[in-house]
Amino acid sequence: MQKAWFLAVALLAGCGGSLPTGDEEIRFARITGYLNDARAAVTHTIDDSSKFVPAAIDAMDKYGVKATIFVSTRRDPIAGLWPRLNQAIENGHEVGAHSRTHRCQWPDTAEFCRSAYDDEEVAGSRDDILENTKQPYVWSWCYPCGNCAGYDFVHRALAAAGYVTARTYPGEEQDEHNVPDLQGWAANPYEAAYTQVVQKKGGIARSGRTDVAEINAKFDEVYRSGGIYSFLSHPQWLDFGPEDFYEQHLKHIGGRNDVWYVPMGPLYTYRSVLEKSGVRKVAANRFSVFHTLDRRIYRNAITLEFRGVPEGVRAFAHDKELPEVQAGPTTRWDHEFFRRDGERVFVTVKPDAMVEFR
């Protein structure tokens, strides 16, 4: 198979296209750390199958923020939420699994966790999402009440069901859930925390986090460092309206030209695609982009930086011309396009492509 692949590359290098005119050779420089060479990434997660979920999605859409919407697939009012969740998927959000029945217990003993993380809850909630939405895969899990996140056997059960990442909710009783302060990718994707909550007091917690200046300042800290700002909300513990804390925060973080707005699951699959992708120059104006990951799961686009691309030359992939976009917020994770920034050209494509300049 490897021999056939190199033969295909050689054949592609010898047919079609022509080297753009210009004094400088076209050079591949790097794969960017975030999609579209964004300075920082923003990911949002919202929890529970409540009647307030549509209002939260509407607020996010107003400001261009993308989220993973974690739902428990056998708890009311989930039947009435599926149409709005399908619209959200079309608009770049993700639906993640929050189990079927949202079982909780304190303390979360190993015996409880073995029972709560059986195939009915873990694989069943995945199957419910696939049955009721147009989403092609379920990448993300959220631990109900934060229970069981520390058990390796639970991580193995989630991995066996195909989940790529799982988000925690640590220390709610001790108010440790307010600011776990994760500002990048979690070392263990099945024990992924977040930066802060943005919500009122709820559940068994003693407090929430709603001061606009305070929550905005935490985002600013992550943004300045070029990190990943991940924030969590329960829609039932929000106030909705342009003057209320939730929308004020969305307004502050949204609409930035140098930020990538992405759900949690596609963010974590992007890390794998970034690490496993390669680029080979196969002709003066042609570059092969590839990885060996399962494309059913790892559907992400990545961004390649090129130098020496003459003005007026266009970018092609899959033998189709890519649309050229101007600077602006990056709100999708699987779209293909190219963008000029001075002497640099950024080409965003899914691997398993031949990028060509004509």
Protein backbone atom coordinates (compact mmCIF):
# COMPACT_ATOMS: atom_id res chain seq x y z
CA MET A 1 0.00 0.00 0.00
CA GLN A 2 2.81 2.40 0.87
CA LYS A 3 4.50 1.67 -2.48
CA ALA A 4 1.24 2.36 -4.33
CA TRP A 5 0.82 5.65 -2.47
CA PHE A 6 4.27 6.90 -3.54
CA LEU A 7 3.51 5.84 -7.12
CA ALA A 8 0.26 7.86 -7.03
CA VAL A 9 2.13 10.90 -5.77
CA ALA A 10 4.67 10.54 -8.58
CA LEU A 11 1.91 10.33 -11.18
CA LEU A 12 0.15 13.39 -9.78
CA ALA A 13 3.40 15.31 -9.82
CA GLY A 14 3.77 14.68 -13.53
CA CYS A 15 0.35 15.77 -14.78
CA GLY A 16 -1.70 18.95 -14.91
CA GLY A 17 -0.98 22.43 -13.57
CA SER A 18 1.92 24.71 -14.18
CA LEU A 19 4.44 26.51 -12.01
CA PRO A 20 3.28 30.05 -11.23
CA THR A 21 5.52 32.70 -12.66
CA GLY A 22 7.64 34.63 -10.20
CA ASP A 23 11.18 34.86 -8.92
CA GLU A 24 10.60 33.17 -5.58
CA GLU A 25 10.01 29.46 -5.07
CA ILE A 26 6.76 28.48 -3.36
CA ARG A 27 7.68 27.07 0.05
CA PHE A 28 5.70 25.26 2.70
CA ALA A 29 6.51 26.89 6.07
CA ARG A 30 4.50 25.10 8.78
CA ILE A 31 1.18 23.74 10.01
CA THR A 32 -0.33 26.40 12.28
CA GLY A 33 -1.03 25.63 15.94
CA TYR A 34 -4.69 26.63 15.68
CA LEU A 35 -6.92 26.62 12.62
CA ASN A 36 -6.45 29.61 10.27
CA ASP A 37 -3.40 30.70 12.30
CA ALA A 38 -5.64 31.99 15.10
CA ARG A 39 -3.93 33.56 18.10
CA ALA A 40 -6.10 31.69 20.63
CA ALA A 41 -8.99 29.23 20.76
CA VAL A 42 -12.35 29.49 22.54
CA THR A 43 -14.47 26.45 23.35
CA HIS A 44 -17.70 26.44 25.34
CA THR A 45 -19.60 23.57 26.96
CA ILE A 46 -23.17 23.60 28.25
CA ASP A 47 -24.70 20.81 30.31
CA ASP A 48 -28.06 19.08 30.79
CA SER A 49 -31.25 18.47 28.86
CA SER A 50 -33.20 21.45 30.14
CA LYS A 51 -35.79 23.74 28.55
CA PHE A 52 -33.21 26.56 28.67
CA VAL A 53 -30.86 24.94 26.14
CA PRO A 54 -32.40 26.68 23.07
CA ALA A 55 -32.01 30.11 24.70
CA ALA A 56 -28.33 29.41 25.38
CA ILE A 57 -27.77 28.32 21.76
CA ASP A 58 -29.55 31.44 20.50
CA ALA A 59 -27.29 33.64 22.65
CA MET A 60 -24.14 31.90 21.42
CA ASP A 61 -25.21 32.22 17.81
CA LYS A 62 -25.71 35.94 18.29
CA TYR A 63 -22.00 36.34 19.09
CA GLY A 64 -20.48 33.53 17.00
CA VAL A 65 -19.36 31.36 19.93
CA LYS A 66 -19.43 27.58 19.35
CA ALA A 67 -20.17 24.97 21.99
CA THR A 68 -20.48 21.32 22.80
CA ILE A 69 -24.03 20.83 24.07
CA PHE A 70 -24.01 17.90 26.49
CA VAL A 71 -27.41 16.23 26.76
CA SER A 72 -28.77 13.29 28.72
CA THR A 73 -30.62 11.41 26.04
CA ARG A 74 -33.40 9.80 28.11
CA ARG A 75 -34.26 12.76 30.35
CA ASP A 76 -37.06 15.21 29.64
CA PRO A 77 -37.43 17.49 27.78
CA ILE A 78 -34.95 15.90 25.33
CA ALA A 79 -37.66 14.89 22.83
CA GLY A 80 -38.45 18.55 22.21
CA LEU A 81 -34.79 19.57 21.97
CA TRP A 82 -33.71 17.41 19.03
CA PRO A 83 -34.92 19.80 16.29
CA ARG A 84 -33.01 22.73 17.80
CA LEU A 85 -29.95 20.55 18.36
CA ASN A 86 -29.94 19.58 14.69
CA GLN A 87 -30.00 23.27 13.75
CA ALA A 88 -27.10 23.84 16.11
CA ILE A 89 -25.06 21.09 14.45
CA GLU A 90 -25.66 22.69 11.05
CA ASN A 91 -24.32 25.96 12.51
CA GLY A 92 -21.05 24.46 13.77
CA HIS A 93 -21.94 23.30 17.28
CA GLU A 94 -21.47 19.76 18.60
CA VAL A 95 -23.84 17.55 20.58
CA GLY A 96 -22.04 15.53 23.24
CA ALA A 97 -23.15 12.68 25.51
CA HIS A 98 -24.08 13.33 29.14
CA SER A 99 -25.24 9.71 29.66
CA ARG A 100 -28.82 8.57 29.24
CA THR A 101 -30.20 9.09 32.75
CA HIS A 102 -27.66 11.37 34.52
CA ARG A 103 -27.00 9.16 37.55
CA CYS A 104 -25.11 10.87 40.41
CA GLN A 105 -23.81 9.83 43.80
CA TRP A 106 -21.52 11.38 46.42
CA PRO A 107 -19.05 9.94 47.07
CA ASP A 108 -18.65 8.31 43.66
CA THR A 109 -17.43 4.87 44.74
CA ALA A 110 -15.88 2.42 42.32
CA GLU A 111 -18.93 0.18 42.75
CA PHE A 112 -21.27 3.03 41.76
CA CYS A 113 -19.12 4.01 38.80
CA ARG A 114 -19.04 0.46 37.42
CA SER A 115 -22.82 0.44 37.52
CA ALA A 116 -23.31 3.98 36.18
CA TYR A 117 -20.88 3.46 33.30
CA ASP A 118 -22.38 0.35 31.80
CA ASP A 119 -23.01 -0.07 28.08
CA GLU A 120 -26.58 1.18 28.43
CA GLU A 121 -25.42 4.60 29.62
CA VAL A 122 -22.12 4.99 27.74
CA ALA A 123 -22.82 3.48 24.32
CA GLY A 124 -26.57 4.04 24.60
CA SER A 125 -26.35 7.81 24.85
CA ARG A 126 -23.96 7.85 21.89
CA ASP A 127 -26.41 5.79 19.84
CA ASP A 128 -29.32 8.06 20.80
CA ILE A 129 -27.46 11.12 19.51
CA LEU A 130 -26.60 9.39 16.23
CA GLU A 131 -30.20 8.25 15.82
CA ASN A 132 -31.76 11.65 16.53
CA THR A 133 -29.31 14.04 14.87
CA LYS A 134 -27.41 14.47 11.61
CA GLN A 135 -24.09 14.49 13.47
CA PRO A 136 -21.81 11.84 11.91
CA TYR A 137 -19.91 10.96 15.09
CA VAL A 138 -20.04 11.57 18.87
CA TRP A 139 -16.65 12.76 20.05
CA SER A 140 -17.32 14.07 23.57
CA TRP A 141 -18.57 12.82 26.91
CA CYS A 142 -19.44 14.85 30.02
CA TYR A 143 -19.37 13.23 33.49
CA PRO A 144 -22.77 13.70 35.20
CA CYS A 145 -22.16 15.70 38.41
CA GLY A 146 -18.45 15.28 37.76
CA ASN A 147 -18.68 11.74 39.15
CA CYS A 148 -16.25 8.96 38.18
CA ALA A 149 -13.80 11.14 36.23
CA GLY A 150 -10.82 9.83 38.20
CA TYR A 151 -11.23 6.12 37.47
CA ASP A 152 -9.08 4.54 34.77
CA PHE A 153 -11.67 1.83 34.09
CA VAL A 154 -14.18 4.57 33.27
CA HIS A 155 -11.71 6.17 30.85
CA ARG A 156 -11.29 2.79 29.17
CA ALA A 157 -15.05 2.34 28.85
CA LEU A 158 -15.38 5.76 27.19
CA ALA A 159 -12.51 5.06 24.82
CA ALA A 160 -14.01 1.67 23.90
CA ALA A 161 -17.27 3.44 23.00
CA GLY A 162 -15.33 5.73 20.67
CA TYR A 163 -15.30 8.96 22.64
CA VAL A 164 -12.22 11.08 22.02
CA THR A 165 -12.47 13.30 25.12
CA ALA A 166 -14.45 13.66 28.35
CA ARG A 167 -15.03 16.81 30.37
CA THR A 168 -14.95 16.87 34.16
CA TYR A 169 -16.82 19.01 36.73
CA PRO A 170 -14.41 18.87 39.67
CA GLY A 171 -15.13 19.52 43.32
CA GLU A 172 -18.60 21.02 43.15
CA GLU A 173 -19.16 20.52 46.88
CA GLN A 174 -15.96 22.44 47.69
CA ASP A 175 -16.51 25.13 45.00
CA GLU A 176 -13.45 23.82 43.17
CA HIS A 177 -15.56 23.72 40.01
CA ASN A 178 -15.56 27.52 39.60
CA VAL A 179 -12.02 28.04 38.26
CA PRO A 180 -10.14 24.82 37.45
CA ASP A 181 -8.03 27.20 35.28
CA LEU A 182 -7.08 24.86 32.45
CA GLN A 183 -5.70 27.13 29.72
CA GLY A 184 -4.63 24.58 27.11
CA TRP A 185 -5.27 20.97 26.14
CA ALA A 186 -5.68 18.55 29.05
CA ALA A 187 -2.81 16.10 29.52
CA ASN A 188 -5.40 13.31 29.76
CA PRO A 189 -8.24 13.95 27.29
CA TYR A 190 -10.55 11.73 29.36
CA GLU A 191 -10.06 13.96 32.38
CA ALA A 192 -10.32 17.34 30.66
CA ALA A 193 -11.15 20.31 32.86
CA TYR A 194 -11.85 23.87 31.70
CA THR A 195 -10.87 27.45 32.51
CA GLN A 196 -13.87 28.68 34.50
CA VAL A 197 -17.64 28.47 34.92
CA VAL A 198 -19.92 31.30 33.85
CA GLN A 199 -23.16 30.66 35.75
CA LYS A 200 -25.11 31.38 38.91
CA LYS A 201 -25.00 29.24 42.04
CA GLY A 202 -26.69 25.93 41.39
CA GLY A 203 -26.75 22.27 42.32
CA ILE A 204 -24.79 21.49 45.48
CA ALA A 205 -22.29 24.32 44.91
CA ARG A 206 -22.00 27.16 47.38
CA SER A 207 -21.37 29.83 44.72
CA GLY A 208 -21.29 30.60 41.03
CA ARG A 209 -19.31 33.06 38.92
CA THR A 210 -21.25 35.93 37.37
CA ASP A 211 -19.21 39.09 37.89
CA VAL A 212 -18.71 40.37 34.34
CA ALA A 213 -15.41 42.13 35.01
CA GLU A 214 -14.02 39.04 36.74
CA ILE A 215 -15.03 36.49 34.11
CA ASN A 216 -13.94 38.77 31.26
CA ALA A 217 -10.54 39.26 32.91
CA LYS A 218 -9.96 35.50 32.99
CA PHE A 219 -10.64 35.29 29.26
CA ASP A 220 -8.26 38.22 28.66
CA GLU A 221 -5.52 36.37 30.55
CA VAL A 222 -5.86 33.28 28.35
CA TYR A 223 -6.18 35.32 25.16
CA ARG A 224 -2.97 37.28 25.87
CA SER A 225 -1.05 34.02 26.34
CA GLY A 226 -2.42 32.48 23.15
CA GLY A 227 -4.07 29.63 25.03
CA ILE A 228 -7.37 27.78 24.94
CA TYR A 229 -10.20 29.49 26.79
CA SER A 230 -12.73 26.85 27.83
CA PHE A 231 -15.79 27.87 29.82
CA LEU A 232 -18.77 25.97 31.15
CA SER A 233 -22.39 26.91 31.82
CA HIS A 234 -25.59 25.18 32.85
CA PRO A 235 -28.35 27.02 30.92
CA GLN A 236 -30.77 26.66 33.84
CA TRP A 237 -28.38 28.79 35.91
CA LEU A 238 -28.10 31.64 33.41
CA ASP A 239 -29.85 34.95 32.83
CA PHE A 240 -30.59 35.74 29.19
CA GLY A 241 -30.60 39.20 27.70
CA PRO A 242 -28.04 41.65 26.28
CA GLU A 243 -27.49 43.34 29.64
CA ASP A 244 -27.14 40.13 31.67
CA PHE A 245 -23.84 38.51 32.59
CA TYR A 246 -23.93 35.60 30.13
CA GLU A 247 -24.49 37.68 27.01
CA GLN A 248 -22.12 40.37 28.25
CA HIS A 249 -19.41 37.71 28.43
CA LEU A 250 -20.28 36.27 25.02
CA LYS A 251 -20.09 39.77 23.56
CA HIS A 252 -16.66 40.31 25.12
CA ILE A 253 -15.13 37.10 23.79
CA GLY A 254 -17.01 36.76 20.48
CA GLY A 255 -16.35 38.15 17.01
CA ARG A 256 -12.56 38.40 17.23
CA ASN A 257 -10.65 38.04 13.97
CA ASP A 258 -7.75 36.19 15.60
CA VAL A 259 -9.73 33.62 17.61
CA TRP A 260 -10.85 30.14 16.62
CA TYR A 261 -14.32 29.32 18.00
CA VAL A 262 -14.66 25.54 18.14
CA PRO A 263 -16.59 22.86 20.09
CA MET A 264 -14.67 20.68 22.52
CA GLY A 265 -14.69 17.41 20.57
CA PRO A 266 -13.37 18.89 17.31
CA LEU A 267 -10.79 20.82 19.34
CA TYR A 268 -9.40 17.59 20.77
CA THR A 269 -9.49 15.74 17.45
CA TYR A 270 -7.61 18.69 15.95
CA ARG A 271 -4.72 18.06 18.32
CA SER A 272 -4.36 14.51 16.98
CA VAL A 273 -4.66 15.64 13.35
CA LEU A 274 -2.07 18.35 14.01
CA GLU A 275 0.36 15.83 15.49
CA LYS A 276 -0.16 13.15 12.81
CA SER A 277 -0.31 15.23 9.62
CA GLY A 278 2.52 15.63 7.13
CA VAL A 279 3.20 17.72 4.03
CA ARG A 280 5.42 16.71 1.08
CA LYS A 281 6.34 18.87 -1.88
CA VAL A 282 5.78 16.78 -5.00
CA ALA A 283 6.17 19.46 -7.69
CA ALA A 284 7.09 23.13 -7.91
CA ASN A 285 3.49 24.17 -7.26
CA ARG A 286 2.06 20.99 -5.64
CA PHE A 287 2.06 19.71 -2.07
CA SER A 288 0.66 16.45 -0.71
CA VAL A 289 -1.11 16.69 2.69
CA PHE A 290 -1.75 13.44 4.55
CA HIS A 291 -2.24 11.59 7.82
CA THR A 292 -3.00 7.98 8.78
CA LEU A 293 -5.88 8.62 11.20
CA ASP A 294 -9.42 7.31 10.79
CA ARG A 295 -11.12 9.98 8.68
CA ARG A 296 -14.53 8.92 9.93
CA ILE A 297 -13.50 10.30 13.33
CA TYR A 298 -10.79 12.83 12.54
CA ARG A 299 -12.62 15.00 10.02
CA ASN A 300 -10.73 18.21 10.82
CA ALA A 301 -9.17 20.64 8.41
CA ILE A 302 -5.69 21.98 9.19
CA THR A 303 -4.00 25.19 8.09
CA LEU A 304 -0.76 25.27 6.11
CA GLU A 305 1.37 28.39 5.80
CA PHE A 306 3.13 28.98 2.47
CA ARG A 307 5.64 31.60 1.35
CA GLY A 308 6.54 32.78 -2.12
CA VAL A 309 3.06 32.47 -3.65
CA PRO A 310 2.78 35.16 -6.36
CA GLU A 311 -0.09 37.65 -6.32
CA GLY A 312 -3.07 36.48 -8.34
CA VAL A 313 -2.28 32.80 -7.94
CA ARG A 314 -5.15 30.73 -6.54
CA ALA A 315 -5.14 27.67 -4.28
CA PHE A 316 -6.73 24.35 -5.24
CA ALA A 317 -7.40 21.13 -3.32
CA HIS A 318 -9.13 17.93 -4.43
CA ASP A 319 -8.76 19.51 -7.91
CA LYS A 320 -11.24 22.25 -6.95
CA GLU A 321 -10.53 25.94 -6.45
CA LEU A 322 -10.67 26.95 -2.78
CA PRO A 323 -12.62 30.07 -1.87
CA GLU A 324 -10.52 33.01 -0.73
CA VAL A 325 -11.57 34.58 2.56
CA GLN A 326 -10.56 37.78 4.29
CA ALA A 327 -9.48 38.11 7.91
CA GLY A 328 -12.32 37.36 10.30
CA PRO A 329 -13.40 35.08 13.13
CA THR A 330 -12.84 31.37 12.47
CA THR A 331 -16.07 29.62 13.43
CA ARG A 332 -15.83 26.24 11.67
CA TRP A 333 -13.41 23.35 12.05
CA ASP A 334 -13.96 21.36 8.84
CA HIS A 335 -14.25 24.00 6.10
CA GLU A 336 -11.62 24.51 3.36
CA PHE A 337 -10.41 27.91 2.10
CA PHE A 338 -7.32 30.07 1.71
CA ARG A 339 -6.34 33.49 2.99
CA ARG A 340 -3.56 35.96 2.18
CA ASP A 341 -1.79 37.88 4.91
CA GLY A 342 0.93 40.02 3.37
CA GLU A 343 3.60 37.72 1.98
CA ARG A 344 2.06 34.68 3.65
CA VAL A 345 -0.70 32.46 2.26
CA PHE A 346 -2.70 30.24 4.63
CA VAL A 347 -4.40 27.22 3.07
CA THR A 348 -6.96 25.40 5.22
CA VAL A 349 -7.73 21.88 3.97
CA LYS A 350 -8.57 18.43 5.17
CA PRO A 351 -5.58 16.07 4.91
CA ASP A 352 -5.56 13.47 2.16
CA ALA A 353 -5.44 16.36 -0.30
CA MET A 354 -3.18 17.59 -3.04
CA VAL A 355 -2.73 21.36 -2.63
CA GLU A 356 -1.89 23.09 -5.87
CA PHE A 357 -1.22 26.72 -6.79
CA ARG A 358 -2.28 27.93 -10.25
